[in-house]
Amino acid sequence: MHTVAIIGAGPLGRWLALSAARAGFRVLLEDVMPANLHHARETLRQQLGTDALHNVTFVSTIEDAVREADLAIDCVPDELESKLEILWLLDRMAPPRTVLATPTTRLSIADLANCTYRPAKCVAIAQEASSLAAYSGGDILLRTTSRTSPETVALVQNFWKMLGFTPRFEPDPAENPAS
């Protein structure tokens, strides 16, 4: 994997872009709000300097962000309507090879993945978004479904390892409720 699309240039999106660029990934950071992209550009310029900033491209459309992405991570609110909308857009605009990762602690990745044409390529980042930067270098919990492919797991695992995390995978509890 070489290219990561990050949808949303708020605090989580900026942190992910910064971390991924430092790890050597090509980053496409998208936000529909020009002010958010401007703020992200200034923040990343200060944090990365001009040397690593060349790894980041700032784009204003989802289509431009995901066109060449191996991994797309959304940074929209953890609400059902927001997640369904963004996954619908990503699913239709990204190439078939693109893996979709969504931060959610409240929603079932199995249910969300089943709303796409690529359920085998969907993973949940099952950690509070606000805690990711604080726990850089620690464990990160990722949720999969019974349909998640081994290639998807390997790609996501490599991404988080490159960011300095120890990925832990568990099945979506909503998919296999306790009897």
C-alpha atoms as a PDB file:
ATOM      1  CA  MET A   1       0.000   0.000   0.000  1.00  0.00           C
ATOM      2  CA  HIS A   2       1.224   3.415  -0.878  1.00  0.00           C
ATOM      3  CA  THR A   3      -1.716   5.836  -1.066  1.00  0.00           C
ATOM      4  CA  VAL A   4      -4.123   6.720   1.747  1.00  0.00           C
ATOM      5  CA  ALA A   5      -7.196   8.909   1.283  1.00  0.00           C
ATOM      6  CA  ILE A   6      -8.359  10.658   4.424  1.00  0.00           C
ATOM      7  CA  ILE A   7     -11.834  12.122   4.244  1.00  0.00           C
ATOM      8  CA  GLY A   8     -12.223  15.039   6.627  1.00  0.00           C
ATOM      9  CA  ALA A   9      -9.512  17.497   7.680  1.00  0.00           C
ATOM     10  CA  GLY A  10     -10.668  18.009  11.257  1.00  0.00           C
ATOM     11  CA  PRO A  11      -8.474  17.040  14.227  1.00  0.00           C
ATOM     12  CA  LEU A  12      -8.549  13.279  13.506  1.00  0.00           C
ATOM     13  CA  GLY A  13      -8.014  13.752   9.772  1.00  0.00           C
ATOM     14  CA  ARG A  14      -5.076  16.113  10.358  1.00  0.00           C
ATOM     15  CA  TRP A  15      -3.503  13.709  12.835  1.00  0.00           C
ATOM     16  CA  LEU A  16      -3.941  10.745  10.461  1.00  0.00           C
ATOM     17  CA  ALA A  17      -2.506  12.743   7.547  1.00  0.00           C
ATOM     18  CA  LEU A  18       0.465  13.828   9.635  1.00  0.00           C
ATOM     19  CA  SER A  19       1.144  10.310  10.927  1.00  0.00           C
ATOM     20  CA  ALA A  20       0.730   8.658   7.525  1.00  0.00           C
ATOM     21  CA  ALA A  21       2.965  11.222   5.791  1.00  0.00           C
ATOM     22  CA  ARG A  22       5.655  10.733   8.445  1.00  0.00           C
ATOM     23  CA  ALA A  23       5.411   6.974   7.877  1.00  0.00           C
ATOM     24  CA  GLY A  24       6.088   7.511   4.161  1.00  0.00           C
ATOM     25  CA  PHE A  25       2.608   7.085   2.734  1.00  0.00           C
ATOM     26  CA  ARG A  26       1.264   9.283  -0.026  1.00  0.00           C
ATOM     27  CA  VAL A  27      -1.706  11.067   1.567  1.00  0.00           C
ATOM     28  CA  LEU A  28      -4.704  12.657  -0.116  1.00  0.00           C
ATOM     29  CA  LEU A  29      -6.529  14.780   2.466  1.00  0.00           C
ATOM     30  CA  GLU A  30     -10.065  15.855   1.526  1.00  0.00           C
ATOM     31  CA  ASP A  31     -12.511  18.231   3.102  1.00  0.00           C
ATOM     32  CA  VAL A  32     -15.471  20.032   1.559  1.00  0.00           C
ATOM     33  CA  MET A  33     -14.766  23.093   3.709  1.00  0.00           C
ATOM     34  CA  PRO A  34     -11.910  25.180   2.245  1.00  0.00           C
ATOM     35  CA  ALA A  35     -11.173  26.637   5.704  1.00  0.00           C
ATOM     36  CA  ASN A  36     -10.575  23.141   7.111  1.00  0.00           C
ATOM     37  CA  LEU A  37      -8.154  22.325   4.289  1.00  0.00           C
ATOM     38  CA  HIS A  38      -6.344  25.632   4.777  1.00  0.00           C
ATOM     39  CA  HIS A  39      -6.010  24.987   8.514  1.00  0.00           C
ATOM     40  CA  ALA A  40      -4.792  21.442   7.819  1.00  0.00           C
ATOM     41  CA  ARG A  41      -2.235  22.707   5.288  1.00  0.00           C
ATOM     42  CA  GLU A  42      -0.823  25.200   7.803  1.00  0.00           C
ATOM     43  CA  THR A  43      -0.784  22.660  10.637  1.00  0.00           C
ATOM     44  CA  LEU A  44       0.942  20.011   8.530  1.00  0.00           C
ATOM     45  CA  ARG A  45       3.439  22.523   7.130  1.00  0.00           C
ATOM     46  CA  GLN A  46       4.443  23.418  10.705  1.00  0.00           C
ATOM     47  CA  GLN A  47       4.622  19.780  11.827  1.00  0.00           C
ATOM     48  CA  LEU A  48       6.203  18.217   8.736  1.00  0.00           C
ATOM     49  CA  GLY A  49       8.250  20.998   7.250  1.00  0.00           C
ATOM     50  CA  THR A  50       8.605  21.188   3.500  1.00  0.00           C
ATOM     51  CA  ASP A  51      10.449  17.863   3.201  1.00  0.00           C
ATOM     52  CA  ALA A  52       7.611  15.522   4.181  1.00  0.00           C
ATOM     53  CA  LEU A  53       4.797  17.874   3.170  1.00  0.00           C
ATOM     54  CA  HIS A  54       5.325  16.753  -0.430  1.00  0.00           C
ATOM     55  CA  ASN A  55       3.717  13.431   0.636  1.00  0.00           C
ATOM     56  CA  VAL A  56       0.401  15.222   1.242  1.00  0.00           C
ATOM     57  CA  THR A  57      -1.998  16.468  -1.422  1.00  0.00           C
ATOM     58  CA  PHE A  58      -4.964  18.590  -0.362  1.00  0.00           C
ATOM     59  CA  VAL A  59      -8.106  17.963  -2.420  1.00  0.00           C
ATOM     60  CA  SER A  60     -11.644  19.303  -2.287  1.00  0.00           C
ATOM     61  CA  THR A  61     -13.608  16.323  -3.630  1.00  0.00           C
ATOM     62  CA  ILE A  62     -13.980  12.753  -2.462  1.00  0.00           C
ATOM     63  CA  GLU A  63     -13.518  11.573  -6.029  1.00  0.00           C
ATOM     64  CA  ASP A  64     -10.085  13.227  -6.234  1.00  0.00           C
ATOM     65  CA  ALA A  65      -9.135  11.776  -2.857  1.00  0.00           C
ATOM     66  CA  VAL A  66      -9.991   8.140  -3.579  1.00  0.00           C
ATOM     67  CA  ARG A  67      -9.153   7.875  -7.278  1.00  0.00           C
ATOM     68  CA  GLU A  68      -5.760   6.244  -6.553  1.00  0.00           C
ATOM     69  CA  ALA A  69      -6.259   5.183  -2.936  1.00  0.00           C
ATOM     70  CA  ASP A  70      -5.328   1.796  -1.587  1.00  0.00           C
ATOM     71  CA  LEU A  71      -6.959   2.681   1.744  1.00  0.00           C
ATOM     72  CA  ALA A  72      -9.681   5.263   2.433  1.00  0.00           C
ATOM     73  CA  ILE A  73     -10.387   6.372   5.997  1.00  0.00           C
ATOM     74  CA  ASP A  74     -13.360   8.572   6.758  1.00  0.00           C
ATOM     75  CA  CYS A  75     -13.339  11.038   9.634  1.00  0.00           C
ATOM     76  CA  VAL A  76     -17.027  11.867   9.742  1.00  0.00           C
ATOM     77  CA  PRO A  77     -19.122  11.823  12.946  1.00  0.00           C
ATOM     78  CA  ASP A  78     -19.896   8.394  14.418  1.00  0.00           C
ATOM     79  CA  GLU A  79     -23.572   8.591  13.498  1.00  0.00           C
ATOM     80  CA  LEU A  80     -25.457   6.127  11.341  1.00  0.00           C
ATOM     81  CA  GLU A  81     -26.598   8.621   8.697  1.00  0.00           C
ATOM     82  CA  SER A  82     -23.123  10.159   8.326  1.00  0.00           C
ATOM     83  CA  LYS A  83     -21.423   6.756   8.078  1.00  0.00           C
ATOM     84  CA  LEU A  84     -23.918   5.405   5.560  1.00  0.00           C
ATOM     85  CA  GLU A  85     -23.580   8.491   3.390  1.00  0.00           C
ATOM     86  CA  ILE A  86     -19.786   8.549   3.371  1.00  0.00           C
ATOM     87  CA  LEU A  87     -19.427   4.797   2.813  1.00  0.00           C
ATOM     88  CA  TRP A  88     -21.932   5.002  -0.040  1.00  0.00           C
ATOM     89  CA  LEU A  89     -19.863   7.753  -1.674  1.00  0.00           C
ATOM     90  CA  LEU A  90     -16.529   6.031  -1.076  1.00  0.00           C
ATOM     91  CA  ASP A  91     -17.863   2.709  -2.336  1.00  0.00           C
ATOM     92  CA  ARG A  92     -19.017   4.240  -5.608  1.00  0.00           C
ATOM     93  CA  MET A  93     -16.045   6.519  -6.258  1.00  0.00           C
ATOM     94  CA  ALA A  94     -13.068   4.425  -5.171  1.00  0.00           C
ATOM     95  CA  PRO A  95     -11.502   1.738  -7.341  1.00  0.00           C
ATOM     96  CA  PRO A  96     -12.562  -1.833  -6.460  1.00  0.00           C
ATOM     97  CA  ARG A  97      -9.183  -2.526  -4.783  1.00  0.00           C
ATOM     98  CA  THR A  98      -9.618   0.273  -2.207  1.00  0.00           C
ATOM     99  CA  VAL A  99     -10.130  -0.799   1.407  1.00  0.00           C
ATOM    100  CA  LEU A 100     -12.611   1.286   3.433  1.00  0.00           C
ATOM    101  CA  ALA A 101     -11.866   1.922   7.114  1.00  0.00           C
ATOM    102  CA  THR A 102     -14.247   3.798   9.348  1.00  0.00           C
ATOM    103  CA  PRO A 103     -13.765   4.870  12.951  1.00  0.00           C
ATOM    104  CA  THR A 104     -16.795   3.743  14.951  1.00  0.00           C
ATOM    105  CA  THR A 105     -17.349   2.558  18.470  1.00  0.00           C
ATOM    106  CA  ARG A 106     -21.142   2.512  18.294  1.00  0.00           C
ATOM    107  CA  LEU A 107     -22.044   1.026  14.924  1.00  0.00           C
ATOM    108  CA  SER A 108     -21.723  -2.484  13.531  1.00  0.00           C
ATOM    109  CA  ILE A 109     -19.102  -2.792  10.791  1.00  0.00           C
ATOM    110  CA  ALA A 110     -20.987  -5.845   9.519  1.00  0.00           C
ATOM    111  CA  ASP A 111     -24.118  -3.749   9.007  1.00  0.00           C
ATOM    112  CA  LEU A 112     -22.167  -0.886   7.415  1.00  0.00           C
ATOM    113  CA  ALA A 113     -20.144  -3.219   5.172  1.00  0.00           C
ATOM    114  CA  ASN A 114     -23.312  -4.923   3.959  1.00  0.00           C
ATOM    115  CA  CYS A 115     -24.444  -1.549   2.593  1.00  0.00           C
ATOM    116  CA  THR A 116     -21.473  -1.513   0.197  1.00  0.00           C
ATOM    117  CA  TYR A 117     -20.484  -3.508  -2.874  1.00  0.00           C
ATOM    118  CA  ARG A 118     -17.220  -4.435  -1.119  1.00  0.00           C
ATOM    119  CA  PRO A 119     -18.049  -5.953   2.278  1.00  0.00           C
ATOM    120  CA  ALA A 120     -14.806  -7.946   2.152  1.00  0.00           C
ATOM    121  CA  LYS A 121     -12.884  -4.657   2.082  1.00  0.00           C
ATOM    122  CA  CYS A 122     -14.422  -2.911   5.107  1.00  0.00           C
ATOM    123  CA  VAL A 123     -12.912  -2.571   8.577  1.00  0.00           C
ATOM    124  CA  ALA A 124     -13.907  -0.599  11.657  1.00  0.00           C
ATOM    125  CA  ILE A 125     -11.406   1.339  13.732  1.00  0.00           C
ATOM    126  CA  ALA A 126     -13.063   0.510  17.053  1.00  0.00           C
ATOM    127  CA  GLN A 127     -11.370   3.118  19.178  1.00  0.00           C
ATOM    128  CA  GLU A 128     -12.473   6.553  20.265  1.00  0.00           C
ATOM    129  CA  ALA A 129     -11.147   8.949  17.639  1.00  0.00           C
ATOM    130  CA  SER A 130      -9.977  11.376  20.302  1.00  0.00           C
ATOM    131  CA  SER A 131      -7.793   8.705  21.886  1.00  0.00           C
ATOM    132  CA  LEU A 132      -5.850   7.705  18.772  1.00  0.00           C
ATOM    133  CA  ALA A 133      -3.293  10.493  18.903  1.00  0.00           C
ATOM    134  CA  ALA A 134      -2.939  10.162  22.658  1.00  0.00           C
ATOM    135  CA  TYR A 135      -2.158   6.460  22.420  1.00  0.00           C
ATOM    136  CA  SER A 136       0.194   6.624  19.481  1.00  0.00           C
ATOM    137  CA  GLY A 137       2.417   3.604  19.684  1.00  0.00           C
ATOM    138  CA  GLY A 138      -0.060   1.485  21.666  1.00  0.00           C
ATOM    139  CA  ASP A 139      -2.665  -1.069  20.719  1.00  0.00           C
ATOM    140  CA  ILE A 140      -5.402  -0.238  18.263  1.00  0.00           C
ATOM    141  CA  LEU A 141      -8.592  -2.255  18.111  1.00  0.00           C
ATOM    142  CA  LEU A 142      -9.949  -3.049  14.655  1.00  0.00           C
ATOM    143  CA  ARG A 143     -13.184  -4.896  13.955  1.00  0.00           C
ATOM    144  CA  THR A 144     -13.817  -7.182  11.028  1.00  0.00           C
ATOM    145  CA  THR A 145     -16.706  -9.247   9.727  1.00  0.00           C
ATOM    146  CA  SER A 146     -16.925 -12.855   8.669  1.00  0.00           C
ATOM    147  CA  ARG A 147     -16.585 -11.556   5.101  1.00  0.00           C
ATOM    148  CA  THR A 148     -13.450  -9.432   5.623  1.00  0.00           C
ATOM    149  CA  SER A 149     -10.726 -10.759   3.346  1.00  0.00           C
ATOM    150  CA  PRO A 150      -7.238 -11.741   4.553  1.00  0.00           C
ATOM    151  CA  GLU A 151      -5.803  -9.180   2.091  1.00  0.00           C
ATOM    152  CA  THR A 152      -7.862  -6.440   3.742  1.00  0.00           C
ATOM    153  CA  VAL A 153      -6.653  -7.465   7.193  1.00  0.00           C
ATOM    154  CA  ALA A 154      -3.038  -7.505   5.983  1.00  0.00           C
ATOM    155  CA  LEU A 155      -3.279  -4.075   4.362  1.00  0.00           C
ATOM    156  CA  VAL A 156      -4.895  -2.451   7.412  1.00  0.00           C
ATOM    157  CA  GLN A 157      -2.502  -4.210   9.770  1.00  0.00           C
ATOM    158  CA  ASN A 158       0.496  -2.927   7.784  1.00  0.00           C
ATOM    159  CA  PHE A 159      -0.874   0.624   7.778  1.00  0.00           C
ATOM    160  CA  TRP A 160      -1.263   0.772  11.562  1.00  0.00           C
ATOM    161  CA  LYS A 161       2.092  -0.918  12.171  1.00  0.00           C
ATOM    162  CA  MET A 162       3.752   1.711   9.982  1.00  0.00           C
ATOM    163  CA  LEU A 163       2.086   4.362  12.185  1.00  0.00           C
ATOM    164  CA  GLY A 164       3.614   2.718  15.259  1.00  0.00           C
ATOM    165  CA  PHE A 165       0.537   0.929  16.578  1.00  0.00           C
ATOM    166  CA  THR A 166       0.006  -2.714  17.469  1.00  0.00           C
ATOM    167  CA  PRO A 167      -3.182  -3.730  15.640  1.00  0.00           C
ATOM    168  CA  ARG A 168      -5.579  -6.111  17.394  1.00  0.00           C
ATOM    169  CA  PHE A 169      -8.424  -7.571  15.364  1.00  0.00           C
ATOM    170  CA  GLU A 170     -11.700  -8.868  16.723  1.00  0.00           C
ATOM    171  CA  PRO A 171     -14.926  -9.927  15.043  1.00  0.00           C
ATOM    172  CA  ASP A 172     -17.860  -7.534  15.070  1.00  0.00           C
ATOM    173  CA  PRO A 173     -19.837  -8.487  18.187  1.00  0.00           C
ATOM    174  CA  ALA A 174     -23.117  -7.561  16.452  1.00  0.00           C
ATOM    175  CA  GLU A 175     -22.451 -10.211  13.834  1.00  0.00           C
ATOM    176  CA  ASN A 176     -22.154 -13.013  16.399  1.00  0.00           C
ATOM    177  CA  PRO A 177     -24.239 -11.960  19.407  1.00  0.00           C
ATOM    178  CA  ALA A 178     -23.766 -13.983  22.572  1.00  0.00           C
ATOM    179  CA  SER A 179     -26.401 -16.657  22.953  1.00  0.00           C
END
